[in-house]
Amino acid sequence: MTSAIVAIGTTRQPKVQAVESAIGQLRSRFPGFLAGELRLEPRQVASGAPPTPATTEETMHGARNRAHNARIALQNEGFEPSLSIGLEGGVAAEGRVVFLEAWAFATDGIRGFFGGSGRVPLPDELAAAVVERGLDLGPAADRFFERQDVAGHEGTFGVLTNGMVTREEAFVRSMLHALAPFYNARAYSIE
């Protein structure tokens, strides 16, 4: 039986679980998608983005870099991934509102596509800590919400939506969007 190797540009569990969940959903709905034994290969790689990207462009850049760097890491180990995935969360200001967003980039080494999660507004005080004072969102959210390791659990998405959308779920959505050209190639005229 052949293996479908997926390089993941992070070892953070909520992100790895998001990749596993998104691919699991797609494989159950589209049996030919990444056929064979699935091997997820997370690697800690550089994003080339700030700890909390402050624009959509920085966040997307970080996601793309993570995917490419994970692919290179696996190739250097002698593996050829079927897909490489990069996930990055960040903030983006639109006028006076600062939004939290999550982006994914998926590539087969030839083609690559982005997918976004949607956005949720940050409370003004938390937005000021991140955008104006330059604090990383994780520690800033811990202080703002008086919790420990928000980023490693439900994430700021989860706290802001009172559990309706967790960090993992935001990344699942961005993954489903980024992978659409791979599981629905006909719609993108790339078969």
Protein backbone atom coordinates (compact mmCIF):
# COMPACT_ATOMS: atom_id res chain seq x y z
CA MET A 1 0.00 0.00 0.00
CA THR A 2 1.31 3.44 -0.88
CA SER A 3 1.72 6.23 1.66
CA ALA A 4 0.47 9.77 1.38
CA ILE A 5 3.01 11.87 3.25
CA VAL A 6 1.87 15.28 4.43
CA ALA A 7 4.52 17.72 5.67
CA ILE A 8 3.21 20.12 8.30
CA GLY A 9 5.18 23.26 9.09
CA THR A 10 4.60 23.20 12.84
CA THR A 11 4.58 20.86 15.81
CA ARG A 12 1.92 22.82 17.77
CA GLN A 13 -0.81 20.33 18.62
CA PRO A 14 -3.89 22.46 17.80
CA LYS A 15 -2.49 23.06 14.30
CA VAL A 16 -1.43 19.43 13.75
CA GLN A 17 -4.87 18.29 14.94
CA ALA A 18 -6.48 20.77 12.52
CA VAL A 19 -4.57 19.23 9.62
CA GLU A 20 -5.52 15.71 10.75
CA SER A 21 -9.17 16.71 11.12
CA ALA A 22 -9.42 18.51 7.77
CA ILE A 23 -7.72 15.69 5.87
CA GLY A 24 -9.85 13.11 7.70
CA GLN A 25 -13.03 14.93 6.67
CA LEU A 26 -11.86 15.14 3.07
CA ARG A 27 -10.78 11.49 2.89
CA SER A 28 -14.14 10.34 4.24
CA ARG A 29 -16.04 12.44 1.71
CA PHE A 30 -13.65 12.00 -1.23
CA PRO A 31 -12.10 8.50 -0.92
CA GLY A 32 -9.51 9.20 -3.65
CA PHE A 33 -8.11 12.21 -1.82
CA LEU A 34 -4.61 11.35 -0.55
CA ALA A 35 -5.28 7.65 -1.07
CA GLY A 36 -3.26 5.09 0.85
CA GLU A 37 -1.79 5.13 4.32
CA LEU A 38 -1.69 8.69 5.65
CA ARG A 39 1.55 9.85 7.29
CA LEU A 40 1.47 13.27 8.90
CA GLU A 41 4.99 14.60 9.39
CA PRO A 42 5.04 17.75 11.55
CA ARG A 43 8.28 19.71 11.64
CA GLN A 44 9.22 22.82 13.57
CA VAL A 45 10.23 25.27 10.85
CA ALA A 46 10.69 29.01 10.49
CA SER A 47 7.81 31.11 9.22
CA GLY A 48 9.79 34.22 8.36
CA ALA A 49 6.94 36.20 9.92
CA PRO A 50 6.82 38.06 13.23
CA PRO A 51 5.58 36.07 16.28
CA THR A 52 2.19 37.71 15.72
CA PRO A 53 1.88 38.83 12.11
CA ALA A 54 0.21 42.26 12.00
CA THR A 55 -1.22 42.17 8.46
CA THR A 56 -2.99 39.64 6.29
CA GLU A 57 0.02 39.69 3.96
CA GLU A 58 2.44 38.84 6.81
CA THR A 59 0.18 36.03 7.97
CA MET A 60 -0.14 34.56 4.48
CA HIS A 61 3.62 34.91 3.97
CA GLY A 62 4.21 32.96 7.20
CA ALA A 63 1.83 30.18 6.13
CA ARG A 64 3.50 29.83 2.72
CA ASN A 65 7.00 29.80 4.26
CA ARG A 66 6.00 27.13 6.78
CA ALA A 67 4.68 24.90 3.98
CA HIS A 68 7.77 25.34 1.83
CA ASN A 69 10.18 24.90 4.76
CA ALA A 70 8.37 21.74 5.93
CA ARG A 71 8.61 20.34 2.39
CA ILE A 72 12.34 21.06 2.27
CA ALA A 73 12.85 19.52 5.73
CA LEU A 74 11.21 16.27 4.63
CA GLN A 75 13.05 16.21 1.31
CA ASN A 76 16.32 16.63 3.23
CA GLU A 77 15.32 13.54 5.23
CA GLY A 78 14.76 11.59 2.01
CA PHE A 79 10.95 11.82 1.80
CA GLU A 80 8.81 13.35 -0.94
CA PRO A 81 5.59 14.74 0.55
CA SER A 82 2.34 14.49 -1.38
CA LEU A 83 1.34 17.79 0.20
CA SER A 84 2.97 20.37 2.41
CA ILE A 85 0.90 22.48 4.74
CA GLY A 86 1.67 25.77 6.47
CA LEU A 87 -0.63 27.36 9.04
CA GLU A 88 -0.29 30.84 10.49
CA GLY A 89 -2.48 32.98 12.70
CA GLY A 90 -2.23 36.73 12.89
CA VAL A 91 -4.08 39.99 13.15
CA ALA A 92 -5.11 42.57 10.58
CA ALA A 93 -6.45 46.07 11.08
CA GLU A 94 -9.30 47.28 8.92
CA GLY A 95 -9.87 50.86 9.83
CA ARG A 96 -10.37 51.01 13.59
CA VAL A 97 -11.12 47.30 14.00
CA VAL A 98 -8.39 44.69 14.50
CA PHE A 99 -9.33 41.18 13.44
CA LEU A 100 -7.87 37.81 14.36
CA GLU A 101 -7.49 35.50 11.37
CA ALA A 102 -5.97 32.14 10.47
CA TRP A 103 -4.46 31.24 7.11
CA ALA A 104 -3.36 27.97 5.53
CA PHE A 105 -1.18 27.31 2.50
CA ALA A 106 -1.18 23.92 0.79
CA THR A 107 1.24 22.88 -1.94
CA ASP A 108 2.03 19.73 -3.85
CA GLY A 109 5.39 21.22 -4.80
CA ILE A 110 4.06 22.53 -8.10
CA ARG A 111 0.83 24.30 -7.25
CA GLY A 112 0.00 26.11 -4.04
CA PHE A 113 -3.17 27.66 -2.68
CA PHE A 114 -4.20 29.79 0.29
CA GLY A 115 -7.29 29.44 2.42
CA GLY A 116 -8.53 31.71 5.17
CA SER A 117 -10.65 31.02 8.21
CA GLY A 118 -12.70 34.16 8.38
CA ARG A 119 -12.16 36.82 11.00
CA VAL A 120 -13.24 37.69 14.51
CA PRO A 121 -12.73 41.17 16.01
CA LEU A 122 -10.32 41.55 18.93
CA PRO A 123 -11.41 43.53 22.00
CA ASP A 124 -9.92 47.03 21.81
CA GLU A 125 -7.61 46.56 24.81
CA LEU A 126 -6.21 43.27 23.48
CA ALA A 127 -5.84 44.77 19.99
CA ALA A 128 -3.89 47.72 21.44
CA ALA A 129 -1.55 45.36 23.31
CA VAL A 130 -0.74 43.48 20.10
CA VAL A 131 -0.80 46.21 17.46
CA GLU A 132 0.31 49.32 19.35
CA ARG A 133 2.56 47.81 22.01
CA GLY A 134 3.85 44.96 19.82
CA LEU A 135 3.13 42.12 22.26
CA ASP A 136 2.79 38.57 20.95
CA LEU A 137 -0.89 37.57 20.86
CA GLY A 138 -0.41 34.42 22.98
CA PRO A 139 0.98 36.09 26.11
CA ALA A 140 -1.23 39.16 25.57
CA ALA A 141 -4.33 36.94 25.43
CA ASP A 142 -3.20 35.07 28.56
CA ARG A 143 -2.98 38.37 30.43
CA PHE A 144 -6.15 39.86 28.98
CA PHE A 145 -8.29 36.78 29.68
CA GLU A 146 -6.44 35.93 32.92
CA ARG A 147 -5.71 32.40 31.69
CA GLN A 148 -2.65 30.25 30.98
CA ASP A 149 -1.60 29.03 27.52
CA VAL A 150 -4.70 30.15 25.63
CA ALA A 151 -2.78 29.55 22.37
CA GLY A 152 -2.06 25.92 23.27
CA HIS A 153 -5.68 25.15 24.04
CA GLU A 154 -8.82 26.67 22.52
CA GLY A 155 -6.90 29.67 21.27
CA THR A 156 -7.98 33.27 21.16
CA PHE A 157 -10.64 32.25 18.62
CA GLY A 158 -12.12 29.91 21.22
CA VAL A 159 -12.11 32.43 24.05
CA LEU A 160 -13.55 35.22 21.88
CA THR A 161 -16.36 33.01 20.53
CA ASN A 162 -17.01 31.38 23.93
CA GLY A 163 -16.10 28.00 22.50
CA MET A 164 -18.17 28.25 19.33
CA VAL A 165 -15.04 28.33 17.12
CA THR A 166 -11.79 27.00 18.59
CA ARG A 167 -8.32 27.72 17.25
CA GLU A 168 -8.27 24.22 15.79
CA GLU A 169 -11.63 24.74 14.07
CA ALA A 170 -10.47 28.04 12.56
CA PHE A 171 -7.46 26.25 11.10
CA VAL A 172 -9.64 23.34 9.88
CA ARG A 173 -11.74 25.86 7.95
CA SER A 174 -8.66 27.53 6.45
CA MET A 175 -7.31 24.06 5.50
CA LEU A 176 -10.56 23.06 3.77
CA HIS A 177 -10.40 26.29 1.80
CA ALA A 178 -6.71 25.93 0.87
CA LEU A 179 -7.16 22.31 -0.19
CA ALA A 180 -10.26 22.96 -2.34
CA PRO A 181 -8.29 23.02 -5.63
CA PHE A 182 -6.83 19.60 -4.74
CA TYR A 183 -10.09 17.84 -3.82
CA ASN A 184 -12.28 19.75 -6.29
CA ALA A 185 -9.88 20.24 -9.19
CA ARG A 186 -12.67 20.38 -11.76
CA ALA A 187 -14.02 23.63 -10.29
CA TYR A 188 -10.56 25.14 -10.67
CA SER A 189 -9.99 23.70 -14.18
CA ILE A 190 -6.72 22.07 -13.08
CA GLU A 191 -7.44 18.36 -13.56
